């Protein structure tokens, strides 16, 4: 049985395919994105963080870290000690 979000009935697991679609949407839009090396550094910090849930979701803000890390105007939402 899939895990569901505590606040709704949606499945909280996000597939690699869904993430790829979201990232493609960012490329097609007018979003300012960070370079690939910065993106990788940010993701590495997210993957090492104890606040990461399901391998994709930040427990502080509920975002999909793959998307937040790609956006130039976003920062790590960890209170007190942001990771990037």
PDB file of N, CA and C in Angstrom:
ATOM      1  N   UNK A   1       0.833  -1.177   0.000  1.00  0.00           N
ATOM      2  CA  UNK A   1       0.000   0.000   0.000  1.00  0.00           C
ATOM      3  C   UNK A   1       0.884   1.249   0.000  1.00  0.00           C
ATOM      4  N   UNK A   2       0.555   2.202  -0.826  1.00  0.00           N
ATOM      5  CA  UNK A   2       1.342   3.429  -0.930  1.00  0.00           C
ATOM      6  C   UNK A   2       1.133   4.299   0.307  1.00  0.00           C
ATOM      7  N   UNK A   3       2.187   5.007   0.696  1.00  0.00           N
ATOM      8  CA  UNK A   3       2.060   5.933   1.809  1.00  0.00           C
ATOM      9  C   UNK A   3       1.338   7.174   1.307  1.00  0.00           C
ATOM     10  N   UNK A   4       0.478   7.716   2.116  1.00  0.00           N
ATOM     11  CA  UNK A   4      -0.233   8.921   1.718  1.00  0.00           C
ATOM     12  C   UNK A   4       0.158  10.080   2.612  1.00  0.00           C
ATOM     13  N   UNK A   5      -0.004  11.257   2.076  1.00  0.00           N
ATOM     14  CA  UNK A   5       0.285  12.482   2.802  1.00  0.00           C
ATOM     15  C   UNK A   5      -0.664  12.592   3.986  1.00  0.00           C
ATOM     16  N   UNK A   6      -0.162  13.038   5.118  1.00  0.00           N
ATOM     17  CA  UNK A   6      -1.000  13.176   6.307  1.00  0.00           C
ATOM     18  C   UNK A   6      -2.089  14.230   6.120  1.00  0.00           C
ATOM     19  N   UNK A   7      -1.825  15.237   5.268  1.00  0.00           N
ATOM     20  CA  UNK A   7      -2.775  16.322   5.077  1.00  0.00           C
ATOM     21  C   UNK A   7      -3.737  16.112   3.924  1.00  0.00           C
ATOM     22  N   UNK A   8      -3.540  15.048   3.157  1.00  0.00           N
ATOM     23  CA  UNK A   8      -4.426  14.807   2.018  1.00  0.00           C
ATOM     24  C   UNK A   8      -4.404  13.322   1.681  1.00  0.00           C
ATOM     25  N   UNK A   9      -5.080  12.954   0.629  1.00  0.00           N
ATOM     26  CA  UNK A   9      -5.123  11.542   0.269  1.00  0.00           C
ATOM     27  C   UNK A   9      -4.150  11.194  -0.851  1.00  0.00           C
ATOM     28  N   UNK A  10      -3.296  12.125  -1.216  1.00  0.00           N
ATOM     29  CA  UNK A  10      -2.363  11.897  -2.322  1.00  0.00           C
ATOM     30  C   UNK A  10      -1.225  10.967  -1.924  1.00  0.00           C
ATOM     31  N   UNK A  11      -0.740  10.224  -2.892  1.00  0.00           N
ATOM     32  CA  UNK A  11       0.432   9.382  -2.706  1.00  0.00           C
ATOM     33  C   UNK A  11       1.643  10.301  -2.542  1.00  0.00           C
ATOM     34  N   UNK A  12       2.449  10.098  -1.515  1.00  0.00           N
ATOM     35  CA  UNK A  12       3.589  10.971  -1.257  1.00  0.00           C
ATOM     36  C   UNK A  12       4.841  10.542  -2.013  1.00  0.00           C
ATOM     37  N   UNK A  13       4.820   9.399  -2.627  1.00  0.00           N
ATOM     38  CA  UNK A  13       5.975   8.936  -3.377  1.00  0.00           C
ATOM     39  C   UNK A  13       5.959   9.537  -4.776  1.00  0.00           C
ATOM     40  N   UNK A  14       7.076  10.164  -5.139  1.00  0.00           N
ATOM     41  CA  UNK A  14       7.214  10.796  -6.441  1.00  0.00           C
ATOM     42  C   UNK A  14       8.218   9.974  -7.236  1.00  0.00           C
ATOM     43  N   UNK A  15       7.840   9.578  -8.431  1.00  0.00           N
ATOM     44  CA  UNK A  15       8.714   8.741  -9.256  1.00  0.00           C
ATOM     45  C   UNK A  15       9.768   9.582  -9.980  1.00  0.00           C
ATOM     46  N   UNK A  16      10.816   8.921 -10.406  1.00  0.00           N
ATOM     47  CA  UNK A  16      11.860   9.581 -11.199  1.00  0.00           C
ATOM     48  C   UNK A  16      11.260  10.164 -12.476  1.00  0.00           C
ATOM     49  N   UNK A  17      10.288   9.481 -13.030  1.00  0.00           N
ATOM     50  CA  UNK A  17       9.615   9.954 -14.247  1.00  0.00           C
ATOM     51  C   UNK A  17       8.859  11.264 -13.978  1.00  0.00           C
ATOM     52  N   UNK A  18       8.176  11.341 -12.851  1.00  0.00           N
ATOM     53  CA  UNK A  18       7.458  12.563 -12.491  1.00  0.00           C
ATOM     54  C   UNK A  18       8.436  13.724 -12.270  1.00  0.00           C
ATOM     55  N   UNK A  19       9.545  13.445 -11.613  1.00  0.00           N
ATOM     56  CA  UNK A  19      10.554  14.478 -11.378  1.00  0.00           C
ATOM     57  C   UNK A  19      11.129  14.954 -12.706  1.00  0.00           C
ATOM     58  N   UNK A  20      11.417  14.046 -13.612  1.00  0.00           N
ATOM     59  CA  UNK A  20      11.943  14.416 -14.929  1.00  0.00           C
ATOM     60  C   UNK A  20      10.973  15.327 -15.671  1.00  0.00           C
ATOM     61  N   UNK A  21       9.688  15.026 -15.579  1.00  0.00           N
ATOM     62  CA  UNK A  21       8.668  15.878 -16.225  1.00  0.00           C
ATOM     63  C   UNK A  21       8.658  17.280 -15.618  1.00  0.00           C
ATOM     64  N   UNK A  22       8.764  17.364 -14.311  1.00  0.00           N
ATOM     65  CA  UNK A  22       8.785  18.668 -13.642  1.00  0.00           C
ATOM     66  C   UNK A  22      10.026  19.466 -14.027  1.00  0.00           C
ATOM     67  N   UNK A  23      11.177  18.793 -14.085  1.00  0.00           N
ATOM     68  CA  UNK A  23      12.411  19.472 -14.473  1.00  0.00           C
ATOM     69  C   UNK A  23      12.336  19.950 -15.928  1.00  0.00           C
ATOM     70  N   UNK A  24      11.723  19.167 -16.790  1.00  0.00           N
ATOM     71  CA  UNK A  24      11.537  19.557 -18.193  1.00  0.00           C
ATOM     72  C   UNK A  24      10.676  20.815 -18.266  1.00  0.00           C
ATOM     73  N   UNK A  25       9.657  20.876 -17.436  1.00  0.00           N
ATOM     74  CA  UNK A  25       8.791  22.052 -17.390  1.00  0.00           C
ATOM     75  C   UNK A  25       9.593  23.296 -16.994  1.00  0.00           C
ATOM     76  N   UNK A  26      10.529  23.143 -16.070  1.00  0.00           N
ATOM     77  CA  UNK A  26      11.377  24.265 -15.675  1.00  0.00           C
ATOM     78  C   UNK A  26      12.231  24.745 -16.840  1.00  0.00           C
ATOM     79  N   UNK A  27      12.746  23.813 -17.622  1.00  0.00           N
ATOM     80  CA  UNK A  27      13.571  24.170 -18.779  1.00  0.00           C
ATOM     81  C   UNK A  27      12.766  24.911 -19.832  1.00  0.00           C
ATOM     82  N   UNK A  28      11.522  24.520 -19.991  1.00  0.00           N
ATOM     83  CA  UNK A  28      10.663  25.124 -21.006  1.00  0.00           C
ATOM     84  C   UNK A  28      10.117  26.477 -20.570  1.00  0.00           C
ATOM     85  N   UNK A  29      10.137  26.754 -19.286  1.00  0.00           N
ATOM     86  CA  UNK A  29       9.575  27.993 -18.764  1.00  0.00           C
ATOM     87  C   UNK A  29      10.615  29.083 -18.640  1.00  0.00           C
ATOM     88  N   UNK A  30      10.211  30.154 -18.027  1.00  0.00           N
ATOM     89  CA  UNK A  30      11.099  31.305 -17.848  1.00  0.00           C
ATOM     90  C   UNK A  30      11.624  31.359 -16.425  1.00  0.00           C
ATOM     91  N   UNK A  31      12.063  30.218 -15.935  1.00  0.00           N
ATOM     92  CA  UNK A  31      12.596  30.129 -14.585  1.00  0.00           C
ATOM     93  C   UNK A  31      14.106  30.250 -14.633  1.00  0.00           C
ATOM     94  N   UNK A  32      14.682  31.031 -13.726  1.00  0.00           N
ATOM     95  CA  UNK A  32      16.130  31.108 -13.647  1.00  0.00           C
ATOM     96  C   UNK A  32      16.624  29.875 -12.899  1.00  0.00           C
ATOM     97  N   UNK A  33      17.535  29.140 -13.533  1.00  0.00           N
ATOM     98  CA  UNK A  33      18.036  27.890 -12.980  1.00  0.00           C
ATOM     99  C   UNK A  33      19.525  28.018 -12.644  1.00  0.00           C
ATOM    100  N   UNK A  34      19.954  27.220 -11.679  1.00  0.00           N
ATOM    101  CA  UNK A  34      21.370  27.206 -11.323  1.00  0.00           C
ATOM    102  C   UNK A  34      22.128  26.303 -12.294  1.00  0.00           C
ATOM    103  N   UNK A  35      23.437  26.516 -12.435  1.00  0.00           N
ATOM    104  CA  UNK A  35      24.253  25.617 -13.263  1.00  0.00           C
ATOM    105  C   UNK A  35      24.244  24.200 -12.692  1.00  0.00           C
ATOM    106  N   UNK A  36      24.554  23.226 -13.530  1.00  0.00           N
ATOM    107  CA  UNK A  36      24.508  21.817 -13.127  1.00  0.00           C
ATOM    108  C   UNK A  36      25.389  21.501 -11.925  1.00  0.00           C
ATOM    109  N   UNK A  37      26.571  22.136 -11.821  1.00  0.00           N
ATOM    110  CA  UNK A  37      27.450  21.839 -10.687  1.00  0.00           C
ATOM    111  C   UNK A  37      26.850  22.343  -9.369  1.00  0.00           C
ATOM    112  N   UNK A  38      26.202  23.485  -9.391  1.00  0.00           N
ATOM    113  CA  UNK A  38      25.538  24.008  -8.198  1.00  0.00           C
ATOM    114  C   UNK A  38      24.341  23.126  -7.855  1.00  0.00           C
ATOM    115  N   UNK A  39      23.609  22.709  -8.866  1.00  0.00           N
ATOM    116  CA  UNK A  39      22.460  21.824  -8.669  1.00  0.00           C
ATOM    117  C   UNK A  39      22.890  20.533  -7.982  1.00  0.00           C
ATOM    118  N   UNK A  40      23.963  19.929  -8.461  1.00  0.00           N
ATOM    119  CA  UNK A  40      24.457  18.677  -7.888  1.00  0.00           C
ATOM    120  C   UNK A  40      24.890  18.877  -6.440  1.00  0.00           C
ATOM    121  N   UNK A  41      25.574  19.984  -6.147  1.00  0.00           N
ATOM    122  CA  UNK A  41      26.012  20.285  -4.780  1.00  0.00           C
ATOM    123  C   UNK A  41      24.811  20.446  -3.852  1.00  0.00           C
ATOM    124  N   UNK A  42      23.790  21.149  -4.322  1.00  0.00           N
ATOM    125  CA  UNK A  42      22.579  21.330  -3.527  1.00  0.00           C
ATOM    126  C   UNK A  42      21.882  19.995  -3.283  1.00  0.00           C
ATOM    127  N   UNK A  43      21.738  19.202  -4.333  1.00  0.00           N
ATOM    128  CA  UNK A  43      21.087  17.896  -4.171  1.00  0.00           C
ATOM    129  C   UNK A  43      21.862  16.996  -3.215  1.00  0.00           C
ATOM    130  N   UNK A  44      23.179  17.009  -3.316  1.00  0.00           N
ATOM    131  CA  UNK A  44      24.001  16.195  -2.408  1.00  0.00           C
ATOM    132  C   UNK A  44      23.724  16.583  -0.956  1.00  0.00           C
ATOM    133  N   UNK A  45      23.588  17.887  -0.696  1.00  0.00           N
ATOM    134  CA  UNK A  45      23.279  18.352   0.658  1.00  0.00           C
ATOM    135  C   UNK A  45      21.891  17.868   1.078  1.00  0.00           C
ATOM    136  N   UNK A  46      20.941  17.931   0.169  1.00  0.00           N
ATOM    137  CA  UNK A  46      19.580  17.460   0.479  1.00  0.00           C
ATOM    138  C   UNK A  46      19.570  15.960   0.766  1.00  0.00           C
ATOM    139  N   UNK A  47      20.286  15.188  -0.047  1.00  0.00           N
ATOM    140  CA  UNK A  47      20.299  13.739   0.127  1.00  0.00           C
ATOM    141  C   UNK A  47      20.981  13.330   1.433  1.00  0.00           C
ATOM    142  N   UNK A  48      21.893  14.162   1.939  1.00  0.00           N
ATOM    143  CA  UNK A  48      22.582  13.870   3.197  1.00  0.00           C
ATOM    144  C   UNK A  48      21.813  14.391   4.416  1.00  0.00           C
ATOM    145  N   UNK A  49      20.764  15.157   4.176  1.00  0.00           N
ATOM    146  CA  UNK A  49      20.011  15.803   5.258  1.00  0.00           C
ATOM    147  C   UNK A  49      19.025  14.827   5.910  1.00  0.00           C
ATOM    148  N   UNK A  50      18.958  14.872   7.225  1.00  0.00           N
ATOM    149  CA  UNK A  50      18.026  14.003   7.956  1.00  0.00           C
ATOM    150  C   UNK A  50      16.572  14.437   7.781  1.00  0.00           C
ATOM    151  N   UNK A  51      16.346  15.595   7.209  1.00  0.00           N
ATOM    152  CA  UNK A  51      14.985  16.094   6.985  1.00  0.00           C
ATOM    153  C   UNK A  51      14.403  15.652   5.655  1.00  0.00           C
ATOM    154  N   UNK A  52      15.147  14.904   4.869  1.00  0.00           N
ATOM    155  CA  UNK A  52      14.652  14.397   3.591  1.00  0.00           C
ATOM    156  C   UNK A  52      13.733  13.212   3.849  1.00  0.00           C
ATOM    157  N   UNK A  53      12.562  13.233   3.250  1.00  0.00           N
ATOM    158  CA  UNK A  53      11.608  12.142   3.390  1.00  0.00           C
ATOM    159  C   UNK A  53      11.351  11.515   2.021  1.00  0.00           C
ATOM    160  N   UNK A  54      11.212  10.196   2.012  1.00  0.00           N
ATOM    161  CA  UNK A  54      10.873   9.435   0.802  1.00  0.00           C
ATOM    162  C   UNK A  54      11.913   9.595  -0.308  1.00  0.00           C
ATOM    163  N   UNK A  55      13.080  10.143   0.012  1.00  0.00           N
ATOM    164  CA  UNK A  55      14.126  10.339  -0.979  1.00  0.00           C
ATOM    165  C   UNK A  55      13.878  11.492  -1.934  1.00  0.00           C
ATOM    166  N   UNK A  56      12.804  12.251  -1.693  1.00  0.00           N
ATOM    167  CA  UNK A  56      12.438  13.326  -2.625  1.00  0.00           C
ATOM    168  C   UNK A  56      11.927  14.593  -1.959  1.00  0.00           C
ATOM    169  N   UNK A  57      11.433  14.506  -0.742  1.00  0.00           N
ATOM    170  CA  UNK A  57      10.647  15.585  -0.163  1.00  0.00           C
ATOM    171  C   UNK A  57      11.283  16.181   1.089  1.00  0.00           C
ATOM    172  N   UNK A  58      11.342  17.511   1.149  1.00  0.00           N
ATOM    173  CA  UNK A  58      11.864  18.207   2.322  1.00  0.00           C
ATOM    174  C   UNK A  58      10.766  18.283   3.383  1.00  0.00           C
ATOM    175  N   UNK A  59      11.077  17.851   4.585  1.00  0.00           N
ATOM    176  CA  UNK A  59      10.072  17.867   5.643  1.00  0.00           C
ATOM    177  C   UNK A  59       9.819  19.274   6.198  1.00  0.00           C
ATOM    178  N   UNK A  60      10.697  20.225   5.870  1.00  0.00           N
ATOM    179  CA  UNK A  60      10.508  21.592   6.363  1.00  0.00           C
ATOM    180  C   UNK A  60       9.498  22.376   5.538  1.00  0.00           C
ATOM    181  N   UNK A  61       9.473  22.138   4.248  1.00  0.00           N
ATOM    182  CA  UNK A  61       8.568  22.934   3.400  1.00  0.00           C
ATOM    183  C   UNK A  61       7.656  22.084   2.527  1.00  0.00           C
ATOM    184  N   UNK A  62       7.935  20.794   2.419  1.00  0.00           N
ATOM    185  CA  UNK A  62       7.109  19.916   1.590  1.00  0.00           C
ATOM    186  C   UNK A  62       7.469  19.927   0.127  1.00  0.00           C
ATOM    187  N   UNK A  63       8.536  20.621  -0.237  1.00  0.00           N
ATOM    188  CA  UNK A  63       8.911  20.701  -1.651  1.00  0.00           C
ATOM    189  C   UNK A  63       9.598  19.416  -2.119  1.00  0.00           C
ATOM    190  N   UNK A  64       9.608  19.229  -3.427  1.00  0.00           N
ATOM    191  CA  UNK A  64      10.405  18.179  -4.046  1.00  0.00           C
ATOM    192  C   UNK A  64      11.804  18.778  -4.206  1.00  0.00           C
ATOM    193  N   UNK A  65      12.793  18.208  -3.531  1.00  0.00           N
ATOM    194  CA  UNK A  65      14.117  18.824  -3.475  1.00  0.00           C
ATOM    195  C   UNK A  65      14.760  18.954  -4.853  1.00  0.00           C
ATOM    196  N   UNK A  66      14.466  18.041  -5.767  1.00  0.00           N
ATOM    197  CA  UNK A  66      15.037  18.112  -7.113  1.00  0.00           C
ATOM    198  C   UNK A  66      14.624  19.396  -7.819  1.00  0.00           C
ATOM    199  N   UNK A  67      13.431  19.876  -7.522  1.00  0.00           N
ATOM    200  CA  UNK A  67      12.931  21.093  -8.153  1.00  0.00           C
ATOM    201  C   UNK A  67      13.464  22.325  -7.425  1.00  0.00           C
ATOM    202  N   UNK A  68      13.339  22.342  -6.112  1.00  0.00           N
ATOM    203  CA  UNK A  68      13.804  23.492  -5.339  1.00  0.00           C
ATOM    204  C   UNK A  68      15.295  23.745  -5.577  1.00  0.00           C
ATOM    205  N   UNK A  69      16.091  22.690  -5.619  1.00  0.00           N
ATOM    206  CA  UNK A  69      17.533  22.836  -5.797  1.00  0.00           C
ATOM    207  C   UNK A  69      17.899  23.399  -7.163  1.00  0.00           C
ATOM    208  N   UNK A  70      17.050  23.232  -8.138  1.00  0.00           N
ATOM    209  CA  UNK A  70      17.325  23.705  -9.500  1.00  0.00           C
ATOM    210  C   UNK A  70      17.012  25.194  -9.672  1.00  0.00           C
ATOM    211  N   UNK A  71      16.143  25.738  -8.842  1.00  0.00           N
ATOM    212  CA  UNK A  71      15.710  27.128  -8.985  1.00  0.00           C
ATOM    213  C   UNK A  71      16.684  28.096  -8.316  1.00  0.00           C
ATOM    214  N   UNK A  72      17.160  29.081  -9.091  1.00  0.00           N
ATOM    215  CA  UNK A  72      18.177  30.013  -8.615  1.00  0.00           C
ATOM    216  C   UNK A  72      17.710  30.868  -7.441  1.00  0.00           C
ATOM    217  N   UNK A  73      16.434  31.171  -7.374  1.00  0.00           N
ATOM    218  CA  UNK A  73      15.949  32.063  -6.321  1.00  0.00           C
ATOM    219  C   UNK A  73      15.520  31.333  -5.057  1.00  0.00           C
ATOM    220  N   UNK A  74      15.757  30.054  -4.963  1.00  0.00           N
ATOM    221  CA  UNK A  74      15.374  29.269  -3.784  1.00  0.00           C
ATOM    222  C   UNK A  74      16.578  29.010  -2.892  1.00  0.00           C
ATOM    223  N   UNK A  75      16.299  28.812  -1.626  1.00  0.00           N
ATOM    224  CA  UNK A  75      17.316  28.492  -0.633  1.00  0.00           C
ATOM    225  C   UNK A  75      16.855  27.282   0.168  1.00  0.00           C
ATOM    226  N   UNK A  76      17.764  26.664   0.866  1.00  0.00           N
ATOM    227  CA  UNK A  76      17.420  25.558   1.751  1.00  0.00           C
ATOM    228  C   UNK A  76      16.525  26.090   2.867  1.00  0.00           C
ATOM    229  N   UNK A  77      15.380  25.432   3.118  1.00  0.00           N
ATOM    230  CA  UNK A  77      14.458  25.929   4.131  1.00  0.00           C
ATOM    231  C   UNK A  77      14.718  25.439   5.556  1.00  0.00           C
ATOM    232  N   UNK A  78      15.814  24.731   5.763  1.00  0.00           N
ATOM    233  CA  UNK A  78      16.090  24.197   7.101  1.00  0.00           C
ATOM    234  C   UNK A  78      16.285  25.348   8.091  1.00  0.00           C
ATOM    235  N   UNK A  79      15.451  25.405   9.120  1.00  0.00           N
ATOM    236  CA  UNK A  79      15.540  26.513  10.089  1.00  0.00           C
ATOM    237  C   UNK A  79      16.882  26.521  10.822  1.00  0.00           C
ATOM    238  N   UNK A  80      17.435  27.707  10.940  1.00  0.00           N
ATOM    239  CA  UNK A  80      18.667  27.885  11.720  1.00  0.00           C
ATOM    240  C   UNK A  80      19.943  27.499  11.031  1.00  0.00           C
ATOM    241  N   UNK A  81      19.947  26.387  10.315  1.00  0.00           N
ATOM    242  CA  UNK A  81      21.173  25.902   9.675  1.00  0.00           C
ATOM    243  C   UNK A  81      20.899  25.446   8.240  1.00  0.00           C
ATOM    244  N   UNK A  82      20.577  26.392   7.348  1.00  0.00           N
ATOM    245  CA  UNK A  82      20.343  25.996   5.958  1.00  0.00           C
ATOM    246  C   UNK A  82      21.588  25.288   5.393  1.00  0.00           C
ATOM    247  N   UNK A  83      21.355  24.298   4.562  1.00  0.00           N
ATOM    248  CA  UNK A  83      22.447  23.488   4.014  1.00  0.00           C
ATOM    249  C   UNK A  83      23.038  24.068   2.745  1.00  0.00           C
ATOM    250  N   UNK A  84      22.295  24.982   2.099  1.00  0.00           N
ATOM    251  CA  UNK A  84      22.814  25.665   0.905  1.00  0.00           C
ATOM    252  C   UNK A  84      22.098  26.964   0.687  1.00  0.00           C
TER     253      UNK A  84
END
